[in-house]
Amino acid sequence: MELIDLHVHTTASDGTMSPEEVVRYAKDRGLKAIAITDHDTVDGVPRALEEGRRTGIEVVEGVELSVDTPRGTCHLLGYFVDPSDDGFREKLRVVQRARAERNLRMIERLRELGVELSLEEVRAIAPHGQLCRPHFALAMAKKGYVQSVDEAFERYLKKGGPAYVEKFKFTPEEAIESIRRAGGLPVLAHPFTLELEQQELEAFVRRLREQGLEGI
């Protein structure tokens, strides 16, 4: 049986392996293909593609976008997006600028809570990619404010927590259109995290399908 994994993150966002390491890891475990779907960036895709060509594993260009819904955040994956598409990259830059502002606000909130953490200390955890909440959690653990990443999220960083700051989110229409304009296929990721009843979920997926969703 041939195996693939179409939802993979790297150190370009909140993953723990570089694009090259992820490809080699997948190859070593017998996967035939993977999709690189980092949060709000395609920066890791070219490196993964090159390593895929070198090692003989198929790499699909991808991205993961956060989308606002009445029931909370959901994620849309874009497969086969063109990582060099200028319009798409500009959309991602908007998100990245918003993420940078969010990070500063989280630093401020943590300091108000007695957690003395600098952005430079968080950056040291992830020197080559975007900063995400797991990086904040790791930096907090490194300084001894918490014992684990889970504790950092539970006490400070989870949605609704005292240091949580809402992130920028596309509307479903914006995300789907952006992915399609970049030549990609929009696909709904892990839909059950929305915690919708079956009928609600089916209705939600139908609405997305009408807007151009291609899969789940």
C-alpha atoms as a PDB file:
ATOM      1  CA  MET A   1       0.000   0.000   0.000  1.00  0.00           C
ATOM      2  CA  GLU A   2       1.351   3.402  -0.987  1.00  0.00           C
ATOM      3  CA  LEU A   3       1.053   6.162   1.607  1.00  0.00           C
ATOM      4  CA  ILE A   4       0.911   9.941   1.248  1.00  0.00           C
ATOM      5  CA  ASP A   5       0.534  12.838   3.692  1.00  0.00           C
ATOM      6  CA  LEU A   6      -1.135  15.970   2.344  1.00  0.00           C
ATOM      7  CA  HIS A   7      -0.924  18.151   5.460  1.00  0.00           C
ATOM      8  CA  VAL A   8       2.678  18.764   6.512  1.00  0.00           C
ATOM      9  CA  HIS A   9       4.258  21.756   8.262  1.00  0.00           C
ATOM     10  CA  THR A  10       7.915  22.767   8.345  1.00  0.00           C
ATOM     11  CA  THR A  11      10.017  25.304  10.211  1.00  0.00           C
ATOM     12  CA  ALA A  12       8.716  27.873   7.725  1.00  0.00           C
ATOM     13  CA  SER A  13       5.747  28.028  10.131  1.00  0.00           C
ATOM     14  CA  ASP A  14       5.150  25.902  13.236  1.00  0.00           C
ATOM     15  CA  GLY A  15       6.796  22.635  12.203  1.00  0.00           C
ATOM     16  CA  THR A  16       9.857  21.180  13.899  1.00  0.00           C
ATOM     17  CA  MET A  17      11.767  20.067  10.787  1.00  0.00           C
ATOM     18  CA  SER A  18      13.198  22.063   7.913  1.00  0.00           C
ATOM     19  CA  PRO A  19      11.638  21.516   4.475  1.00  0.00           C
ATOM     20  CA  GLU A  20      14.548  19.273   3.516  1.00  0.00           C
ATOM     21  CA  GLU A  21      14.334  17.272   6.739  1.00  0.00           C
ATOM     22  CA  VAL A  22      10.593  16.745   6.316  1.00  0.00           C
ATOM     23  CA  VAL A  23      11.077  15.370   2.813  1.00  0.00           C
ATOM     24  CA  ARG A  24      13.839  13.014   3.924  1.00  0.00           C
ATOM     25  CA  TYR A  25      11.787  11.907   6.933  1.00  0.00           C
ATOM     26  CA  ALA A  26       8.835  11.078   4.680  1.00  0.00           C
ATOM     27  CA  LYS A  27      11.095   9.261   2.237  1.00  0.00           C
ATOM     28  CA  ASP A  28      12.681   7.186   5.003  1.00  0.00           C
ATOM     29  CA  ARG A  29       9.225   6.089   6.156  1.00  0.00           C
ATOM     30  CA  GLY A  30       8.135   4.964   2.740  1.00  0.00           C
ATOM     31  CA  LEU A  31       5.759   7.759   1.779  1.00  0.00           C
ATOM     32  CA  LYS A  32       5.293   8.350  -1.931  1.00  0.00           C
ATOM     33  CA  ALA A  33       4.173  11.976  -1.718  1.00  0.00           C
ATOM     34  CA  ILE A  34       3.673  14.828   0.740  1.00  0.00           C
ATOM     35  CA  ALA A  35       2.147  18.295   0.550  1.00  0.00           C
ATOM     36  CA  ILE A  36       3.917  21.190   2.261  1.00  0.00           C
ATOM     37  CA  THR A  37       1.093  23.228   3.818  1.00  0.00           C
ATOM     38  CA  ASP A  38       2.664  25.744   6.176  1.00  0.00           C
ATOM     39  CA  HIS A  39       0.521  28.391   7.836  1.00  0.00           C
ATOM     40  CA  ASP A  40       0.242  31.526   5.684  1.00  0.00           C
ATOM     41  CA  THR A  41       3.506  31.014   3.801  1.00  0.00           C
ATOM     42  CA  VAL A  42       4.925  29.174   0.814  1.00  0.00           C
ATOM     43  CA  ASP A  43       8.532  29.995   1.687  1.00  0.00           C
ATOM     44  CA  GLY A  44       9.384  26.371   2.444  1.00  0.00           C
ATOM     45  CA  VAL A  45       7.938  24.991  -0.781  1.00  0.00           C
ATOM     46  CA  PRO A  46      10.857  25.584  -3.201  1.00  0.00           C
ATOM     47  CA  ARG A  47      13.332  23.931  -0.828  1.00  0.00           C
ATOM     48  CA  ALA A  48      11.030  20.948  -0.344  1.00  0.00           C
ATOM     49  CA  LEU A  49      10.506  20.618  -4.093  1.00  0.00           C
ATOM     50  CA  GLU A  50      14.246  20.561  -4.684  1.00  0.00           C
ATOM     51  CA  GLU A  51      14.786  17.930  -1.991  1.00  0.00           C
ATOM     52  CA  GLY A  52      11.903  15.913  -3.398  1.00  0.00           C
ATOM     53  CA  ARG A  53      13.520  15.882  -6.823  1.00  0.00           C
ATOM     54  CA  ARG A  54      16.812  14.845  -5.265  1.00  0.00           C
ATOM     55  CA  THR A  55      15.371  12.007  -3.179  1.00  0.00           C
ATOM     56  CA  GLY A  56      12.622  10.815  -5.505  1.00  0.00           C
ATOM     57  CA  ILE A  57       9.514  11.703  -3.484  1.00  0.00           C
ATOM     58  CA  GLU A  58       6.695  13.785  -4.945  1.00  0.00           C
ATOM     59  CA  VAL A  59       6.165  17.122  -3.196  1.00  0.00           C
ATOM     60  CA  VAL A  60       2.922  19.037  -3.690  1.00  0.00           C
ATOM     61  CA  GLU A  61       3.019  22.822  -3.374  1.00  0.00           C
ATOM     62  CA  GLY A  62       0.610  23.904  -0.659  1.00  0.00           C
ATOM     63  CA  VAL A  63      -0.436  26.367   2.016  1.00  0.00           C
ATOM     64  CA  GLU A  64      -2.823  26.511   4.973  1.00  0.00           C
ATOM     65  CA  LEU A  65      -4.998  29.596   5.471  1.00  0.00           C
ATOM     66  CA  SER A  66      -7.070  30.542   8.513  1.00  0.00           C
ATOM     67  CA  VAL A  67     -10.691  31.317   7.712  1.00  0.00           C
ATOM     68  CA  ASP A  68     -13.295  33.061   9.844  1.00  0.00           C
ATOM     69  CA  THR A  69     -16.677  31.374  10.269  1.00  0.00           C
ATOM     70  CA  PRO A  70     -19.652  32.059  12.561  1.00  0.00           C
ATOM     71  CA  ARG A  71     -18.563  29.084  14.678  1.00  0.00           C
ATOM     72  CA  GLY A  72     -14.893  30.019  14.889  1.00  0.00           C
ATOM     73  CA  THR A  73     -11.750  29.488  12.866  1.00  0.00           C
ATOM     74  CA  CYS A  74     -11.407  26.807  10.245  1.00  0.00           C
ATOM     75  CA  HIS A  75      -8.478  26.058   7.965  1.00  0.00           C
ATOM     76  CA  LEU A  76      -8.379  25.793   4.203  1.00  0.00           C
ATOM     77  CA  LEU A  77      -5.567  24.013   2.422  1.00  0.00           C
ATOM     78  CA  GLY A  78      -4.470  25.124  -1.019  1.00  0.00           C
ATOM     79  CA  TYR A  79      -2.892  22.363  -3.100  1.00  0.00           C
ATOM     80  CA  PHE A  80      -0.835  23.019  -6.244  1.00  0.00           C
ATOM     81  CA  VAL A  81      -0.677  26.770  -5.624  1.00  0.00           C
ATOM     82  CA  ASP A  82       2.006  28.583  -7.582  1.00  0.00           C
ATOM     83  CA  PRO A  83       4.494  29.728  -4.907  1.00  0.00           C
ATOM     84  CA  SER A  84       5.795  32.432  -7.255  1.00  0.00           C
ATOM     85  CA  ASP A  85       2.378  33.979  -7.969  1.00  0.00           C
ATOM     86  CA  ASP A  86       2.771  37.677  -7.107  1.00  0.00           C
ATOM     87  CA  GLY A  87      -0.879  38.249  -6.240  1.00  0.00           C
ATOM     88  CA  PHE A  88      -0.966  35.281  -3.900  1.00  0.00           C
ATOM     89  CA  ARG A  89       2.300  36.218  -2.235  1.00  0.00           C
ATOM     90  CA  GLU A  90       0.932  39.714  -1.594  1.00  0.00           C
ATOM     91  CA  LYS A  91      -2.126  38.177   0.084  1.00  0.00           C
ATOM     92  CA  LEU A  92       0.210  36.170   2.294  1.00  0.00           C
ATOM     93  CA  ARG A  93       2.254  39.269   3.124  1.00  0.00           C
ATOM     94  CA  VAL A  94      -0.915  40.917   4.462  1.00  0.00           C
ATOM     95  CA  VAL A  95      -1.387  37.958   6.808  1.00  0.00           C
ATOM     96  CA  GLN A  96       2.272  37.949   7.800  1.00  0.00           C
ATOM     97  CA  ARG A  97       2.209  41.646   8.703  1.00  0.00           C
ATOM     98  CA  ALA A  98      -0.882  41.036  10.825  1.00  0.00           C
ATOM     99  CA  ARG A  99       0.861  38.073  12.457  1.00  0.00           C
ATOM    100  CA  ALA A 100       3.867  40.264  13.333  1.00  0.00           C
ATOM    101  CA  GLU A 101       1.581  42.805  15.009  1.00  0.00           C
ATOM    102  CA  ARG A 102      -0.177  40.002  16.861  1.00  0.00           C
ATOM    103  CA  ASN A 103       3.141  38.689  18.168  1.00  0.00           C
ATOM    104  CA  LEU A 104       4.011  42.093  19.628  1.00  0.00           C
ATOM    105  CA  ARG A 105       0.643  42.279  21.355  1.00  0.00           C
ATOM    106  CA  MET A 106       1.133  38.808  22.849  1.00  0.00           C
ATOM    107  CA  ILE A 107       4.529  39.881  24.185  1.00  0.00           C
ATOM    108  CA  GLU A 108       2.849  42.888  25.815  1.00  0.00           C
ATOM    109  CA  ARG A 109       0.126  40.764  27.385  1.00  0.00           C
ATOM    110  CA  LEU A 110       2.607  38.230  28.712  1.00  0.00           C
ATOM    111  CA  ARG A 111       4.639  40.997  30.326  1.00  0.00           C
ATOM    112  CA  GLU A 112       1.493  42.359  31.957  1.00  0.00           C
ATOM    113  CA  LEU A 113       1.031  38.860  33.397  1.00  0.00           C
ATOM    114  CA  GLY A 114       4.558  38.781  34.787  1.00  0.00           C
ATOM    115  CA  VAL A 115       6.122  36.733  31.995  1.00  0.00           C
ATOM    116  CA  GLU A 116       9.216  38.650  30.892  1.00  0.00           C
ATOM    117  CA  LEU A 117       9.750  37.453  27.352  1.00  0.00           C
ATOM    118  CA  SER A 118      11.239  39.311  24.409  1.00  0.00           C
ATOM    119  CA  LEU A 119      10.478  38.832  20.747  1.00  0.00           C
ATOM    120  CA  GLU A 120      14.175  38.097  20.226  1.00  0.00           C
ATOM    121  CA  GLU A 121      13.952  35.170  22.658  1.00  0.00           C
ATOM    122  CA  VAL A 122      10.984  33.766  20.756  1.00  0.00           C
ATOM    123  CA  ARG A 123      12.784  34.333  17.461  1.00  0.00           C
ATOM    124  CA  ALA A 124      15.712  32.287  18.762  1.00  0.00           C
ATOM    125  CA  ILE A 125      13.360  29.282  18.874  1.00  0.00           C
ATOM    126  CA  ALA A 126      12.431  29.717  15.193  1.00  0.00           C
ATOM    127  CA  PRO A 127      15.152  31.739  13.461  1.00  0.00           C
ATOM    128  CA  HIS A 128      14.087  30.939   9.902  1.00  0.00           C
ATOM    129  CA  GLY A 129      10.290  30.902   9.862  1.00  0.00           C
ATOM    130  CA  GLN A 130       7.178  32.667  11.021  1.00  0.00           C
ATOM    131  CA  LEU A 131       6.591  32.955  14.747  1.00  0.00           C
ATOM    132  CA  CYS A 132       3.571  31.039  16.039  1.00  0.00           C
ATOM    133  CA  ARG A 133       2.144  30.351  19.488  1.00  0.00           C
ATOM    134  CA  PRO A 134       4.094  27.075  19.897  1.00  0.00           C
ATOM    135  CA  HIS A 135       7.304  29.092  19.614  1.00  0.00           C
ATOM    136  CA  PHE A 136       6.108  31.387  22.410  1.00  0.00           C
ATOM    137  CA  ALA A 137       5.310  28.310  24.495  1.00  0.00           C
ATOM    138  CA  LEU A 138       8.762  26.822  23.922  1.00  0.00           C
ATOM    139  CA  ALA A 139      10.445  30.099  24.858  1.00  0.00           C
ATOM    140  CA  MET A 140       8.369  30.298  28.050  1.00  0.00           C
ATOM    141  CA  ALA A 141       9.355  26.752  28.971  1.00  0.00           C
ATOM    142  CA  LYS A 142      13.009  27.504  28.262  1.00  0.00           C
ATOM    143  CA  LYS A 143      12.896  30.416  30.718  1.00  0.00           C
ATOM    144  CA  GLY A 144      11.131  28.337  33.359  1.00  0.00           C
ATOM    145  CA  TYR A 145       7.779  30.108  33.396  1.00  0.00           C
ATOM    146  CA  VAL A 146       6.042  26.831  32.523  1.00  0.00           C
ATOM    147  CA  GLN A 147       7.038  23.186  32.572  1.00  0.00           C
ATOM    148  CA  SER A 148       5.709  22.302  29.131  1.00  0.00           C
ATOM    149  CA  VAL A 149       4.170  23.609  25.933  1.00  0.00           C
ATOM    150  CA  ASP A 150       0.816  22.237  27.058  1.00  0.00           C
ATOM    151  CA  GLU A 151       1.016  24.215  30.294  1.00  0.00           C
ATOM    152  CA  ALA A 152       1.861  27.402  28.386  1.00  0.00           C
ATOM    153  CA  PHE A 153      -1.220  26.981  26.241  1.00  0.00           C
ATOM    154  CA  GLU A 154      -3.476  26.023  29.126  1.00  0.00           C
ATOM    155  CA  ARG A 155      -2.420  28.913  31.354  1.00  0.00           C
ATOM    156  CA  TYR A 156      -1.723  31.656  28.824  1.00  0.00           C
ATOM    157  CA  LEU A 157      -1.935  31.020  25.083  1.00  0.00           C
ATOM    158  CA  LYS A 158      -5.061  29.013  24.326  1.00  0.00           C
ATOM    159  CA  LYS A 159      -7.999  30.750  22.677  1.00  0.00           C
ATOM    160  CA  GLY A 160      -9.615  32.830  25.392  1.00  0.00           C
ATOM    161  CA  GLY A 161      -6.480  32.663  27.545  1.00  0.00           C
ATOM    162  CA  PRO A 162      -5.096  35.816  29.181  1.00  0.00           C
ATOM    163  CA  ALA A 163      -2.293  36.243  26.623  1.00  0.00           C
ATOM    164  CA  TYR A 164      -4.266  35.141  23.575  1.00  0.00           C
ATOM    165  CA  VAL A 165      -4.677  37.638  20.735  1.00  0.00           C
ATOM    166  CA  GLU A 166      -7.022  36.988  17.839  1.00  0.00           C
ATOM    167  CA  LYS A 167      -5.283  36.436  14.533  1.00  0.00           C
ATOM    168  CA  PHE A 168      -6.062  37.728  11.074  1.00  0.00           C
ATOM    169  CA  LYS A 169      -8.449  35.482   9.179  1.00  0.00           C
ATOM    170  CA  PHE A 170      -9.733  35.475   5.629  1.00  0.00           C
ATOM    171  CA  THR A 171     -13.383  35.104   4.819  1.00  0.00           C
ATOM    172  CA  PRO A 172     -14.096  31.731   3.190  1.00  0.00           C
ATOM    173  CA  GLU A 173     -14.729  33.491  -0.116  1.00  0.00           C
ATOM    174  CA  GLU A 174     -11.410  35.368   0.030  1.00  0.00           C
ATOM    175  CA  ALA A 175      -9.396  32.263   0.867  1.00  0.00           C
ATOM    176  CA  ILE A 176     -11.000  30.109  -1.815  1.00  0.00           C
ATOM    177  CA  GLU A 177     -10.659  32.799  -4.474  1.00  0.00           C
ATOM    178  CA  SER A 178      -7.023  33.494  -3.543  1.00  0.00           C
ATOM    179  CA  ILE A 179      -6.104  29.815  -3.776  1.00  0.00           C
ATOM    180  CA  ARG A 180      -7.878  29.369  -7.090  1.00  0.00           C
ATOM    181  CA  ARG A 181      -6.312  32.501  -8.591  1.00  0.00           C
ATOM    182  CA  ALA A 182      -2.897  31.048  -7.731  1.00  0.00           C
ATOM    183  CA  GLY A 183      -3.772  27.904  -9.667  1.00  0.00           C
ATOM    184  CA  GLY A 184      -4.558  25.861  -6.578  1.00  0.00           C
ATOM    185  CA  LEU A 185      -7.276  23.548  -5.328  1.00  0.00           C
ATOM    186  CA  PRO A 186      -8.998  24.705  -2.104  1.00  0.00           C
ATOM    187  CA  VAL A 187      -9.622  21.885   0.380  1.00  0.00           C
ATOM    188  CA  LEU A 188     -11.154  21.982   3.864  1.00  0.00           C
ATOM    189  CA  ALA A 189      -8.792  20.768   6.599  1.00  0.00           C
ATOM    190  CA  HIS A 190      -9.848  18.762   9.696  1.00  0.00           C
ATOM    191  CA  PRO A 191     -13.535  19.845   9.590  1.00  0.00           C
ATOM    192  CA  PHE A 192     -14.479  18.114  12.842  1.00  0.00           C
ATOM    193  CA  THR A 193     -12.482  20.651  14.854  1.00  0.00           C
ATOM    194  CA  LEU A 194     -15.389  23.022  14.208  1.00  0.00           C
ATOM    195  CA  GLU A 195     -17.460  20.773  16.494  1.00  0.00           C
ATOM    196  CA  LEU A 196     -20.564  21.130  14.343  1.00  0.00           C
ATOM    197  CA  GLU A 197     -23.455  18.719  14.375  1.00  0.00           C
ATOM    198  CA  GLN A 198     -23.618  16.578  11.247  1.00  0.00           C
ATOM    199  CA  GLN A 199     -26.379  18.593   9.587  1.00  0.00           C
ATOM    200  CA  GLU A 200     -24.618  21.877  10.370  1.00  0.00           C
ATOM    201  CA  LEU A 201     -21.338  20.547   8.992  1.00  0.00           C
ATOM    202  CA  GLU A 202     -22.980  19.305   5.818  1.00  0.00           C
ATOM    203  CA  ALA A 203     -24.646  22.691   5.297  1.00  0.00           C
ATOM    204  CA  PHE A 204     -21.336  24.474   5.917  1.00  0.00           C
ATOM    205  CA  VAL A 205     -19.508  22.273   3.407  1.00  0.00           C
ATOM    206  CA  ARG A 206     -22.258  22.834   0.825  1.00  0.00           C
ATOM    207  CA  ARG A 207     -21.835  26.603   1.186  1.00  0.00           C
ATOM    208  CA  LEU A 208     -18.091  26.288   0.719  1.00  0.00           C
ATOM    209  CA  ARG A 209     -18.643  24.030  -2.278  1.00  0.00           C
ATOM    210  CA  GLU A 210     -20.820  26.700  -3.877  1.00  0.00           C
ATOM    211  CA  GLN A 211     -17.928  29.127  -3.386  1.00  0.00           C
ATOM    212  CA  GLY A 212     -15.429  26.799  -5.069  1.00  0.00           C
ATOM    213  CA  LEU A 213     -14.271  24.265  -2.464  1.00  0.00           C
ATOM    214  CA  GLU A 214     -12.777  21.201  -4.173  1.00  0.00           C
ATOM    215  CA  GLY A 215     -12.394  18.688  -1.363  1.00  0.00           C
ATOM    216  CA  ILE A 216     -12.070  17.769   2.310  1.00  0.00           C
END
